[in-house]
Amino acid sequence: MQFIDTDTKRPESGLIQKAANFLRDNYPIVFPTDTTWGILMRMDAINAEKLHKLRRENLSKPFLAVIPEGFDWKSLVDTNKLPKENFGKVNNFWPGTNTLLFPKALHLRYPQGSSIALRMPAYIDNPAFNLLLKMCNFPLLAPSFNRPGESVILTKEEAIEKFAELPYAFWDKAYRPLKPSALWDLTGIPIVQLR
């Protein structure tokens, strides 16, 4: 695993472009997100399978996807199945650390089920992550940097011990994870908080 020093508060655009290029080329990277350390990959079924194998978990649990501010989230959602009352409420949750569960657009091969979980982070929470999302301008799978039932990895030593097979880790030694995002189900009425 190659560690690349990163500053989440004052990102260097060349360094973030390097991360975006890795993601565009379908490499997994470790990156400090708006909530916790994440293993990021471009959203598609093949990359999801790779992430499930890395994390040693069941394929039946889909990952959330993160999208940049201004991204057309409706392109990932079956808007015919989304209650009309919930359209205008999306702006109450985004941008920010809220993950929203929507009916999944029919053209998507991933996730396999009928819903998709999306988060649109705010710039203020992590300028480097926000810049990365803008440079990519495609949805990213963003599971936390740990295996199910284990705590999030916080040190380089733990990272090497548990995920040596990952090629790149963009590492900010000053970064501290926050609490997980709140999860809201917008597939029905009323909107329900699941986490």
C-alpha atoms as a PDB file:
ATOM      1  CA  MET A   1       0.000   0.000   0.000  1.00  0.00           C
ATOM      2  CA  GLN A   2       1.377   3.355  -1.047  1.00  0.00           C
ATOM      3  CA  PHE A   3       0.507   6.230   1.314  1.00  0.00           C
ATOM      4  CA  ILE A   4       0.032   9.636  -0.293  1.00  0.00           C
ATOM      5  CA  ASP A   5       0.060  12.549   2.161  1.00  0.00           C
ATOM      6  CA  THR A   6      -3.154  14.528   1.866  1.00  0.00           C
ATOM      7  CA  ASP A   7      -4.544  17.612   3.622  1.00  0.00           C
ATOM      8  CA  THR A   8      -8.342  17.411   3.854  1.00  0.00           C
ATOM      9  CA  LYS A   9      -8.665  21.093   4.824  1.00  0.00           C
ATOM     10  CA  ARG A  10      -6.270  22.536   2.202  1.00  0.00           C
ATOM     11  CA  PRO A  11      -6.266  20.107  -0.701  1.00  0.00           C
ATOM     12  CA  GLU A  12      -3.691  20.255  -3.486  1.00  0.00           C
ATOM     13  CA  SER A  13      -5.587  19.995  -6.767  1.00  0.00           C
ATOM     14  CA  GLY A  14      -2.823  17.965  -8.469  1.00  0.00           C
ATOM     15  CA  LEU A  15      -2.930  15.365  -5.727  1.00  0.00           C
ATOM     16  CA  ILE A  16      -6.726  15.163  -5.781  1.00  0.00           C
ATOM     17  CA  GLN A  17      -6.622  14.846  -9.583  1.00  0.00           C
ATOM     18  CA  LYS A  18      -4.304  11.856  -9.109  1.00  0.00           C
ATOM     19  CA  ALA A  19      -6.921  10.256  -6.828  1.00  0.00           C
ATOM     20  CA  ALA A  20      -9.661  11.013  -9.373  1.00  0.00           C
ATOM     21  CA  ASN A  21      -7.579   9.382 -12.120  1.00  0.00           C
ATOM     22  CA  PHE A  22      -7.145   6.215 -10.047  1.00  0.00           C
ATOM     23  CA  LEU A  23     -10.910   6.073  -9.514  1.00  0.00           C
ATOM     24  CA  ARG A  24     -11.625   6.740 -13.188  1.00  0.00           C
ATOM     25  CA  ASP A  25      -9.326   3.792 -13.994  1.00  0.00           C
ATOM     26  CA  ASN A  26     -11.269   1.581 -11.524  1.00  0.00           C
ATOM     27  CA  TYR A  27      -8.612   1.365  -8.810  1.00  0.00           C
ATOM     28  CA  PRO A  28      -9.811   1.305  -5.195  1.00  0.00           C
ATOM     29  CA  ILE A  29      -8.364   4.021  -2.969  1.00  0.00           C
ATOM     30  CA  VAL A  30      -8.525   4.814   0.721  1.00  0.00           C
ATOM     31  CA  PHE A  31      -9.635   8.396   1.290  1.00  0.00           C
ATOM     32  CA  PRO A  32     -10.888  10.481   4.228  1.00  0.00           C
ATOM     33  CA  THR A  33     -14.559  11.205   3.476  1.00  0.00           C
ATOM     34  CA  ASP A  34     -17.001  13.625   5.062  1.00  0.00           C
ATOM     35  CA  THR A  35     -17.832  11.057   7.767  1.00  0.00           C
ATOM     36  CA  THR A  36     -15.058   8.458   8.062  1.00  0.00           C
ATOM     37  CA  TRP A  37     -12.192   6.775   6.239  1.00  0.00           C
ATOM     38  CA  GLY A  38     -13.607   5.138   3.133  1.00  0.00           C
ATOM     39  CA  ILE A  39     -12.568   2.697   0.445  1.00  0.00           C
ATOM     40  CA  LEU A  40     -13.700   4.409  -2.727  1.00  0.00           C
ATOM     41  CA  MET A  41     -14.380   2.989  -6.184  1.00  0.00           C
ATOM     42  CA  ARG A  42     -16.358   4.075  -9.196  1.00  0.00           C
ATOM     43  CA  MET A  43     -19.941   2.809  -8.849  1.00  0.00           C
ATOM     44  CA  ASP A  44     -20.622  -0.294 -10.916  1.00  0.00           C
ATOM     45  CA  ALA A  45     -21.435  -3.949 -10.277  1.00  0.00           C
ATOM     46  CA  ILE A  46     -17.898  -5.254 -10.941  1.00  0.00           C
ATOM     47  CA  ASN A  47     -16.293  -2.736  -8.577  1.00  0.00           C
ATOM     48  CA  ALA A  48     -18.928  -3.471  -5.933  1.00  0.00           C
ATOM     49  CA  GLU A  49     -18.005  -7.141  -6.093  1.00  0.00           C
ATOM     50  CA  LYS A  50     -14.310  -6.240  -5.703  1.00  0.00           C
ATOM     51  CA  LEU A  51     -15.104  -4.129  -2.632  1.00  0.00           C
ATOM     52  CA  HIS A  52     -17.197  -6.883  -1.076  1.00  0.00           C
ATOM     53  CA  LYS A  53     -14.270  -9.281  -1.494  1.00  0.00           C
ATOM     54  CA  LEU A  54     -11.819  -6.760  -0.014  1.00  0.00           C
ATOM     55  CA  ARG A  55     -14.070  -6.213   2.977  1.00  0.00           C
ATOM     56  CA  ARG A  56     -14.881  -9.949   3.186  1.00  0.00           C
ATOM     57  CA  GLU A  57     -18.600  -9.447   3.332  1.00  0.00           C
ATOM     58  CA  ASN A  58     -21.788 -10.732   1.805  1.00  0.00           C
ATOM     59  CA  LEU A  59     -22.761  -9.355  -1.594  1.00  0.00           C
ATOM     60  CA  SER A  60     -26.359  -8.888  -0.453  1.00  0.00           C
ATOM     61  CA  LYS A  61     -25.542  -5.726   1.527  1.00  0.00           C
ATOM     62  CA  PRO A  62     -25.249  -2.859  -0.961  1.00  0.00           C
ATOM     63  CA  PHE A  63     -22.873   0.067  -0.476  1.00  0.00           C
ATOM     64  CA  LEU A  64     -23.970   3.663  -0.457  1.00  0.00           C
ATOM     65  CA  ALA A  65     -22.854   5.916  -3.279  1.00  0.00           C
ATOM     66  CA  VAL A  66     -21.595   9.461  -2.856  1.00  0.00           C
ATOM     67  CA  ILE A  67     -22.182  12.153  -5.467  1.00  0.00           C
ATOM     68  CA  PRO A  68     -20.883  15.723  -5.823  1.00  0.00           C
ATOM     69  CA  GLU A  69     -22.954  18.819  -5.143  1.00  0.00           C
ATOM     70  CA  GLY A  70     -24.958  19.663  -8.226  1.00  0.00           C
ATOM     71  CA  PHE A  71     -24.947  16.083  -9.564  1.00  0.00           C
ATOM     72  CA  ASP A  72     -28.248  15.029 -11.151  1.00  0.00           C
ATOM     73  CA  TRP A  73     -29.280  12.566  -8.430  1.00  0.00           C
ATOM     74  CA  LYS A  74     -32.537  11.923 -10.298  1.00  0.00           C
ATOM     75  CA  SER A  75     -30.522  10.047 -12.957  1.00  0.00           C
ATOM     76  CA  LEU A  76     -29.926   7.317 -10.344  1.00  0.00           C
ATOM     77  CA  VAL A  77     -33.489   7.247  -9.010  1.00  0.00           C
ATOM     78  CA  ASP A  78     -36.728   5.763 -10.321  1.00  0.00           C
ATOM     79  CA  THR A  79     -38.564   9.074 -10.110  1.00  0.00           C
ATOM     80  CA  ASN A  80     -41.866   7.384 -11.028  1.00  0.00           C
ATOM     81  CA  LYS A  81     -41.715   5.449  -7.757  1.00  0.00           C
ATOM     82  CA  LEU A  82     -40.449   8.311  -5.575  1.00  0.00           C
ATOM     83  CA  PRO A  83     -43.399   9.910  -3.775  1.00  0.00           C
ATOM     84  CA  LYS A  84     -43.962  13.371  -5.297  1.00  0.00           C
ATOM     85  CA  GLU A  85     -44.087  14.910  -1.809  1.00  0.00           C
ATOM     86  CA  ASN A  86     -40.487  13.802  -1.213  1.00  0.00           C
ATOM     87  CA  PHE A  87     -38.936  15.525  -4.262  1.00  0.00           C
ATOM     88  CA  GLY A  88     -38.800  18.945  -2.636  1.00  0.00           C
ATOM     89  CA  LYS A  89     -37.615  17.546   0.683  1.00  0.00           C
ATOM     90  CA  VAL A  90     -34.296  16.312  -0.737  1.00  0.00           C
ATOM     91  CA  ASN A  91     -32.884  19.841  -0.422  1.00  0.00           C
ATOM     92  CA  ASN A  92     -33.615  19.721   3.329  1.00  0.00           C
ATOM     93  CA  PHE A  93     -31.062  16.905   3.662  1.00  0.00           C
ATOM     94  CA  TRP A  94     -28.422  17.797   1.073  1.00  0.00           C
ATOM     95  CA  PRO A  95     -25.677  18.753   0.836  1.00  0.00           C
ATOM     96  CA  GLY A  96     -24.587  17.260   4.145  1.00  0.00           C
ATOM     97  CA  THR A  97     -23.933  14.031   6.031  1.00  0.00           C
ATOM     98  CA  ASN A  98     -27.352  12.516   5.333  1.00  0.00           C
ATOM     99  CA  THR A  99     -27.661   9.322   3.316  1.00  0.00           C
ATOM    100  CA  LEU A 100     -30.980   9.072   1.492  1.00  0.00           C
ATOM    101  CA  LEU A 101     -32.627   5.846   0.383  1.00  0.00           C
ATOM    102  CA  PHE A 102     -34.463   6.124  -2.950  1.00  0.00           C
ATOM    103  CA  PRO A 103     -36.166   3.769  -5.397  1.00  0.00           C
ATOM    104  CA  LYS A 104     -33.347   2.740  -7.760  1.00  0.00           C
ATOM    105  CA  ALA A 105     -33.396   3.713 -11.442  1.00  0.00           C
ATOM    106  CA  LEU A 106     -34.223   0.713 -13.627  1.00  0.00           C
ATOM    107  CA  HIS A 107     -31.142   1.107 -15.872  1.00  0.00           C
ATOM    108  CA  LEU A 108     -28.677   0.600 -12.989  1.00  0.00           C
ATOM    109  CA  ARG A 109     -27.061  -2.830 -12.644  1.00  0.00           C
ATOM    110  CA  TYR A 110     -25.898  -1.985  -9.129  1.00  0.00           C
ATOM    111  CA  PRO A 111     -27.154  -2.252  -6.472  1.00  0.00           C
ATOM    112  CA  GLN A 112     -29.127  -5.429  -7.142  1.00  0.00           C
ATOM    113  CA  GLY A 113     -32.212  -4.554  -5.096  1.00  0.00           C
ATOM    114  CA  SER A 114     -34.949  -2.027  -5.719  1.00  0.00           C
ATOM    115  CA  SER A 115     -33.398   0.868  -3.789  1.00  0.00           C
ATOM    116  CA  ILE A 116     -30.225   2.944  -3.800  1.00  0.00           C
ATOM    117  CA  ALA A 117     -28.577   4.855  -0.940  1.00  0.00           C
ATOM    118  CA  LEU A 118     -27.013   8.194  -1.923  1.00  0.00           C
ATOM    119  CA  ARG A 119     -25.137  10.929  -0.059  1.00  0.00           C
ATOM    120  CA  MET A 120     -24.210  14.381  -1.335  1.00  0.00           C
ATOM    121  CA  PRO A 121     -21.498  15.737   1.013  1.00  0.00           C
ATOM    122  CA  ALA A 122     -21.129  19.431   1.755  1.00  0.00           C
ATOM    123  CA  TYR A 123     -17.923  21.295   0.890  1.00  0.00           C
ATOM    124  CA  ILE A 124     -17.443  22.577   4.430  1.00  0.00           C
ATOM    125  CA  ASP A 125     -17.243  19.066   5.911  1.00  0.00           C
ATOM    126  CA  ASN A 126     -14.159  18.048   3.915  1.00  0.00           C
ATOM    127  CA  PRO A 127     -12.863  20.264   1.063  1.00  0.00           C
ATOM    128  CA  ALA A 128     -10.540  17.526  -0.278  1.00  0.00           C
ATOM    129  CA  PHE A 129     -13.312  14.947  -0.529  1.00  0.00           C
ATOM    130  CA  ASN A 130     -15.641  17.489  -2.098  1.00  0.00           C
ATOM    131  CA  LEU A 131     -12.999  18.417  -4.697  1.00  0.00           C
ATOM    132  CA  LEU A 132     -12.435  14.726  -5.454  1.00  0.00           C
ATOM    133  CA  LEU A 133     -16.158  14.211  -6.050  1.00  0.00           C
ATOM    134  CA  LYS A 134     -16.276  17.228  -8.380  1.00  0.00           C
ATOM    135  CA  MET A 135     -13.235  16.047 -10.335  1.00  0.00           C
ATOM    136  CA  CYS A 136     -14.748  12.596 -10.756  1.00  0.00           C
ATOM    137  CA  ASN A 137     -18.311  13.774 -11.445  1.00  0.00           C
ATOM    138  CA  PHE A 138     -19.549  10.174 -11.278  1.00  0.00           C
ATOM    139  CA  PRO A 139     -20.986   8.241  -8.320  1.00  0.00           C
ATOM    140  CA  LEU A 140     -18.498   6.570  -6.001  1.00  0.00           C
ATOM    141  CA  LEU A 141     -19.052   3.534  -3.834  1.00  0.00           C
ATOM    142  CA  ALA A 142     -17.906   4.508  -0.364  1.00  0.00           C
ATOM    143  CA  PRO A 143     -17.925   1.744   2.257  1.00  0.00           C
ATOM    144  CA  SER A 144     -16.033   2.475   5.449  1.00  0.00           C
ATOM    145  CA  PHE A 145     -12.382   1.440   5.722  1.00  0.00           C
ATOM    146  CA  ASN A 146     -12.891  -1.636   7.866  1.00  0.00           C
ATOM    147  CA  ARG A 147     -14.356  -5.101   7.728  1.00  0.00           C
ATOM    148  CA  PRO A 148     -17.838  -5.854   9.090  1.00  0.00           C
ATOM    149  CA  GLY A 149     -17.878  -5.946  12.887  1.00  0.00           C
ATOM    150  CA  GLU A 150     -14.483  -4.225  13.183  1.00  0.00           C
ATOM    151  CA  SER A 151     -13.758  -0.632  14.054  1.00  0.00           C
ATOM    152  CA  VAL A 152     -12.617   1.835  11.427  1.00  0.00           C
ATOM    153  CA  ILE A 153      -8.887   1.772  10.760  1.00  0.00           C
ATOM    154  CA  LEU A 154      -7.093   4.845  12.109  1.00  0.00           C
ATOM    155  CA  THR A 155      -3.367   4.176  11.663  1.00  0.00           C
ATOM    156  CA  LYS A 156      -1.081   3.300   8.770  1.00  0.00           C
ATOM    157  CA  GLU A 157       0.039   0.192  10.647  1.00  0.00           C
ATOM    158  CA  GLU A 158      -3.557  -1.082  10.906  1.00  0.00           C
ATOM    159  CA  ALA A 159      -4.134  -0.226   7.250  1.00  0.00           C
ATOM    160  CA  ILE A 160      -1.161  -2.325   6.128  1.00  0.00           C
ATOM    161  CA  GLU A 161      -2.057  -5.180   8.475  1.00  0.00           C
ATOM    162  CA  LYS A 162      -5.693  -5.460   7.347  1.00  0.00           C
ATOM    163  CA  PHE A 163      -5.716  -4.134   3.776  1.00  0.00           C
ATOM    164  CA  ALA A 164      -2.206  -4.541   2.363  1.00  0.00           C
ATOM    165  CA  GLU A 165      -3.748  -5.471  -1.008  1.00  0.00           C
ATOM    166  CA  LEU A 166      -5.112  -1.941  -1.531  1.00  0.00           C
ATOM    167  CA  PRO A 167      -2.778   0.005  -3.832  1.00  0.00           C
ATOM    168  CA  TYR A 168      -3.247   3.616  -2.652  1.00  0.00           C
ATOM    169  CA  ALA A 169      -4.182   5.402   0.564  1.00  0.00           C
ATOM    170  CA  PHE A 170      -4.552   9.178   0.544  1.00  0.00           C
ATOM    171  CA  TRP A 171      -3.626   9.802   4.163  1.00  0.00           C
ATOM    172  CA  ASP A 172      -4.174  12.846   6.365  1.00  0.00           C
ATOM    173  CA  LYS A 173      -2.550  12.192   9.728  1.00  0.00           C
ATOM    174  CA  ALA A 174      -4.652  14.977  11.292  1.00  0.00           C
ATOM    175  CA  TYR A 175      -7.974  13.573  10.015  1.00  0.00           C
ATOM    176  CA  ARG A 176     -10.395  12.195  12.594  1.00  0.00           C
ATOM    177  CA  PRO A 177     -13.536  10.308  11.583  1.00  0.00           C
ATOM    178  CA  LEU A 178     -16.911  11.711  12.547  1.00  0.00           C
ATOM    179  CA  LYS A 179     -20.110   9.874  13.355  1.00  0.00           C
ATOM    180  CA  PRO A 180     -21.765   7.837  10.576  1.00  0.00           C
ATOM    181  CA  SER A 181     -24.247   9.593   8.339  1.00  0.00           C
ATOM    182  CA  ALA A 182     -27.914   9.599   9.251  1.00  0.00           C
ATOM    183  CA  LEU A 183     -29.916   7.289   6.959  1.00  0.00           C
ATOM    184  CA  TRP A 184     -33.347   8.427   5.762  1.00  0.00           C
ATOM    185  CA  ASP A 185     -35.819   6.344   3.747  1.00  0.00           C
ATOM    186  CA  LEU A 186     -37.521   8.503   1.110  1.00  0.00           C
ATOM    187  CA  THR A 187     -39.178   5.589  -0.701  1.00  0.00           C
ATOM    188  CA  GLY A 188     -42.471   6.112   1.104  1.00  0.00           C
ATOM    189  CA  ILE A 189     -44.495   8.544   3.190  1.00  0.00           C
ATOM    190  CA  PRO A 190     -43.724   9.516   5.818  1.00  0.00           C
ATOM    191  CA  ILE A 191     -39.948   9.802   5.470  1.00  0.00           C
ATOM    192  CA  VAL A 192     -38.409   7.463   8.049  1.00  0.00           C
ATOM    193  CA  GLN A 193     -35.023   7.734   9.778  1.00  0.00           C
ATOM    194  CA  LEU A 194     -33.384   4.297   9.705  1.00  0.00           C
ATOM    195  CA  ARG A 195     -30.122   5.275  11.453  1.00  0.00           C
END
